[in-house]
Amino acid sequence: MDKKRTQAAINSQFLQAAHSGDLSQLVLARLDGADVNTVHPQTGLQALHFAVGTNDLLMIRYLTEQCNAVFGPDRSGRWPTIIAAECKVDDAVGDYIVEAEAAYLKKTGQLAP
């Protein structure tokens, strides 16, 4: 199997683990070299979007704190905070994602101090 195909398979495993809420498989795929910011080809969602949508604070924290996931919109223009609002996540997830997204935007110069 060539390197590109291998990377695509690892990234697919990573996104599938995020979608199904399987943190152990997500971590294994990341250790195998998955791109934390890989985008699902049909939905435009990243692992962070899946974790927010499934209300998975532990996975969200892993992706943001350990993997430095990039905050950005999905293919429909929805940022993680919008997904959190649409999915009516727990207060802990909502509060965390609002703070983490704001900190990311501030750090990258996309939000005024």
C-alpha atoms as a PDB file:
ATOM      1  CA  MET A   1       0.000   0.000   0.000  1.00  0.00           C
ATOM      2  CA  ASP A   2       1.486   3.369  -0.944  1.00  0.00           C
ATOM      3  CA  LYS A   3       2.080   6.131   1.615  1.00  0.00           C
ATOM      4  CA  LYS A   4      -0.799   8.346   0.411  1.00  0.00           C
ATOM      5  CA  ARG A   5      -3.299   5.503   0.627  1.00  0.00           C
ATOM      6  CA  THR A   6      -1.998   4.560   4.047  1.00  0.00           C
ATOM      7  CA  GLN A   7      -2.396   8.147   5.270  1.00  0.00           C
ATOM      8  CA  ALA A   8      -5.931   8.281   3.864  1.00  0.00           C
ATOM      9  CA  ALA A   9      -6.814   5.052   5.673  1.00  0.00           C
ATOM     10  CA  ILE A  10      -5.391   6.332   8.960  1.00  0.00           C
ATOM     11  CA  ASN A  11      -7.256   9.637   8.594  1.00  0.00           C
ATOM     12  CA  SER A  12     -10.461   7.751   7.811  1.00  0.00           C
ATOM     13  CA  GLN A  13      -9.985   5.609  10.936  1.00  0.00           C
ATOM     14  CA  PHE A  14      -9.431   8.795  12.960  1.00  0.00           C
ATOM     15  CA  LEU A  15     -12.645  10.409  11.715  1.00  0.00           C
ATOM     16  CA  GLN A  16     -14.627   7.207  12.206  1.00  0.00           C
ATOM     17  CA  ALA A  17     -13.388   6.976  15.792  1.00  0.00           C
ATOM     18  CA  ALA A  18     -14.428  10.589  16.406  1.00  0.00           C
ATOM     19  CA  HIS A  19     -17.840   9.980  14.843  1.00  0.00           C
ATOM     20  CA  SER A  20     -18.455   6.891  16.968  1.00  0.00           C
ATOM     21  CA  GLY A  21     -17.053   8.447  20.156  1.00  0.00           C
ATOM     22  CA  ASP A  22     -14.256   5.900  20.486  1.00  0.00           C
ATOM     23  CA  LEU A  23     -11.473   7.836  22.187  1.00  0.00           C
ATOM     24  CA  SER A  24      -9.088   4.881  22.401  1.00  0.00           C
ATOM     25  CA  GLN A  25      -9.284   4.282  18.630  1.00  0.00           C
ATOM     26  CA  LEU A  26      -8.943   8.019  18.000  1.00  0.00           C
ATOM     27  CA  VAL A  27      -5.757   8.108  20.083  1.00  0.00           C
ATOM     28  CA  LEU A  28      -4.379   5.029  18.296  1.00  0.00           C
ATOM     29  CA  ALA A  29      -5.073   6.565  14.887  1.00  0.00           C
ATOM     30  CA  ARG A  30      -3.389   9.786  16.014  1.00  0.00           C
ATOM     31  CA  LEU A  31      -0.353   7.833  17.213  1.00  0.00           C
ATOM     32  CA  ASP A  32      -0.291   6.153  13.792  1.00  0.00           C
ATOM     33  CA  GLY A  33       0.017   9.608  12.235  1.00  0.00           C
ATOM     34  CA  ALA A  34      -3.544  10.741  11.583  1.00  0.00           C
ATOM     35  CA  ASP A  35      -3.912  14.402  10.671  1.00  0.00           C
ATOM     36  CA  VAL A  36      -5.905  15.945  13.530  1.00  0.00           C
ATOM     37  CA  ASN A  37      -7.410  18.462  11.102  1.00  0.00           C
ATOM     38  CA  THR A  38      -8.362  15.999   8.389  1.00  0.00           C
ATOM     39  CA  VAL A  39     -11.745  16.732   6.830  1.00  0.00           C
ATOM     40  CA  HIS A  40     -14.435  14.159   6.076  1.00  0.00           C
ATOM     41  CA  PRO A  41     -14.824  14.268   2.280  1.00  0.00           C
ATOM     42  CA  GLN A  42     -18.638  14.190   2.214  1.00  0.00           C
ATOM     43  CA  THR A  43     -19.541  16.347   5.226  1.00  0.00           C
ATOM     44  CA  GLY A  44     -16.577  18.662   5.593  1.00  0.00           C
ATOM     45  CA  LEU A  45     -16.478  17.843   9.310  1.00  0.00           C
ATOM     46  CA  GLN A  46     -13.299  17.447  11.315  1.00  0.00           C
ATOM     47  CA  ALA A  47     -12.888  15.228  14.373  1.00  0.00           C
ATOM     48  CA  LEU A  48     -13.417  18.268  16.605  1.00  0.00           C
ATOM     49  CA  HIS A  49     -16.799  18.916  14.972  1.00  0.00           C
ATOM     50  CA  PHE A  50     -17.822  15.288  15.546  1.00  0.00           C
ATOM     51  CA  ALA A  51     -16.701  15.407  19.190  1.00  0.00           C
ATOM     52  CA  VAL A  52     -18.659  18.601  19.821  1.00  0.00           C
ATOM     53  CA  GLY A  53     -21.743  17.273  18.056  1.00  0.00           C
ATOM     54  CA  THR A  54     -21.695  14.115  20.153  1.00  0.00           C
ATOM     55  CA  ASN A  55     -21.230  16.045  23.401  1.00  0.00           C
ATOM     56  CA  ASP A  56     -17.917  14.318  24.193  1.00  0.00           C
ATOM     57  CA  LEU A  57     -15.952  16.632  26.489  1.00  0.00           C
ATOM     58  CA  LEU A  58     -13.086  14.191  27.029  1.00  0.00           C
ATOM     59  CA  MET A  59     -12.534  13.830  23.280  1.00  0.00           C
ATOM     60  CA  ILE A  60     -12.870  17.584  22.748  1.00  0.00           C
ATOM     61  CA  ARG A  61     -10.241  18.238  25.401  1.00  0.00           C
ATOM     62  CA  TYR A  62      -7.905  15.628  23.905  1.00  0.00           C
ATOM     63  CA  LEU A  63      -8.252  17.157  20.442  1.00  0.00           C
ATOM     64  CA  THR A  64      -7.765  20.739  21.608  1.00  0.00           C
ATOM     65  CA  GLU A  65      -5.252  20.334  24.422  1.00  0.00           C
ATOM     66  CA  GLN A  66      -3.148  17.379  23.253  1.00  0.00           C
ATOM     67  CA  CYS A  67      -3.502  17.574  19.466  1.00  0.00           C
ATOM     68  CA  ASN A  68      -3.876  21.335  18.958  1.00  0.00           C
ATOM     69  CA  ALA A  69      -6.881  20.913  16.675  1.00  0.00           C
ATOM     70  CA  VAL A  70      -7.611  23.914  14.484  1.00  0.00           C
ATOM     71  CA  PHE A  71     -10.898  25.701  15.088  1.00  0.00           C
ATOM     72  CA  GLY A  72     -12.731  26.524  11.909  1.00  0.00           C
ATOM     73  CA  PRO A  73     -15.971  26.059  10.052  1.00  0.00           C
ATOM     74  CA  ASP A  74     -17.215  22.852   8.506  1.00  0.00           C
ATOM     75  CA  ARG A  75     -18.249  22.794   4.847  1.00  0.00           C
ATOM     76  CA  SER A  76     -21.587  24.395   5.821  1.00  0.00           C
ATOM     77  CA  GLY A  77     -19.850  27.269   7.613  1.00  0.00           C
ATOM     78  CA  ARG A  78     -20.623  26.017  11.131  1.00  0.00           C
ATOM     79  CA  TRP A  79     -17.924  26.621  13.723  1.00  0.00           C
ATOM     80  CA  PRO A  80     -17.661  24.268  16.729  1.00  0.00           C
ATOM     81  CA  THR A  81     -19.612  26.749  18.869  1.00  0.00           C
ATOM     82  CA  ILE A  82     -22.477  26.743  16.355  1.00  0.00           C
ATOM     83  CA  ILE A  83     -22.493  22.944  16.282  1.00  0.00           C
ATOM     84  CA  ALA A  84     -22.597  22.953  20.097  1.00  0.00           C
ATOM     85  CA  ALA A  85     -25.636  25.238  20.055  1.00  0.00           C
ATOM     86  CA  GLU A  86     -27.413  23.243  17.345  1.00  0.00           C
ATOM     87  CA  CYS A  87     -26.792  19.948  19.138  1.00  0.00           C
ATOM     88  CA  LYS A  88     -27.797  21.344  22.532  1.00  0.00           C
ATOM     89  CA  VAL A  89     -24.717  20.016  24.294  1.00  0.00           C
ATOM     90  CA  ASP A  90     -24.239  19.911  28.070  1.00  0.00           C
ATOM     91  CA  ASP A  91     -23.310  23.171  29.786  1.00  0.00           C
ATOM     92  CA  ALA A  92     -19.788  21.879  30.484  1.00  0.00           C
ATOM     93  CA  VAL A  93     -19.188  21.165  26.781  1.00  0.00           C
ATOM     94  CA  GLY A  94     -20.788  24.430  25.714  1.00  0.00           C
ATOM     95  CA  ASP A  95     -18.755  26.499  28.152  1.00  0.00           C
ATOM     96  CA  TYR A  96     -15.522  24.717  27.271  1.00  0.00           C
ATOM     97  CA  ILE A  97     -15.936  25.034  23.512  1.00  0.00           C
ATOM     98  CA  VAL A  98     -16.865  28.726  23.690  1.00  0.00           C
ATOM     99  CA  GLU A  99     -13.764  29.472  25.777  1.00  0.00           C
ATOM    100  CA  ALA A 100     -11.449  27.252  23.715  1.00  0.00           C
ATOM    101  CA  GLU A 101     -12.648  28.655  20.391  1.00  0.00           C
ATOM    102  CA  ALA A 102     -12.283  32.240  21.634  1.00  0.00           C
ATOM    103  CA  ALA A 103      -8.773  31.507  22.936  1.00  0.00           C
ATOM    104  CA  TYR A 104      -7.830  29.927  19.595  1.00  0.00           C
ATOM    105  CA  LEU A 105      -9.171  32.899  17.620  1.00  0.00           C
ATOM    106  CA  LYS A 106      -7.375  35.341  19.919  1.00  0.00           C
ATOM    107  CA  LYS A 107      -4.107  33.370  19.672  1.00  0.00           C
ATOM    108  CA  THR A 108      -4.282  33.307  15.871  1.00  0.00           C
ATOM    109  CA  GLY A 109      -5.151  37.010  15.616  1.00  0.00           C
ATOM    110  CA  GLN A 110      -8.666  36.415  14.343  1.00  0.00           C
ATOM    111  CA  LEU A 111     -10.259  37.933  17.448  1.00  0.00           C
ATOM    112  CA  ALA A 112      -9.414  41.261  19.022  1.00  0.00           C
ATOM    113  CA  PRO A 113      -7.802  41.021  22.482  1.00  0.00           C
END
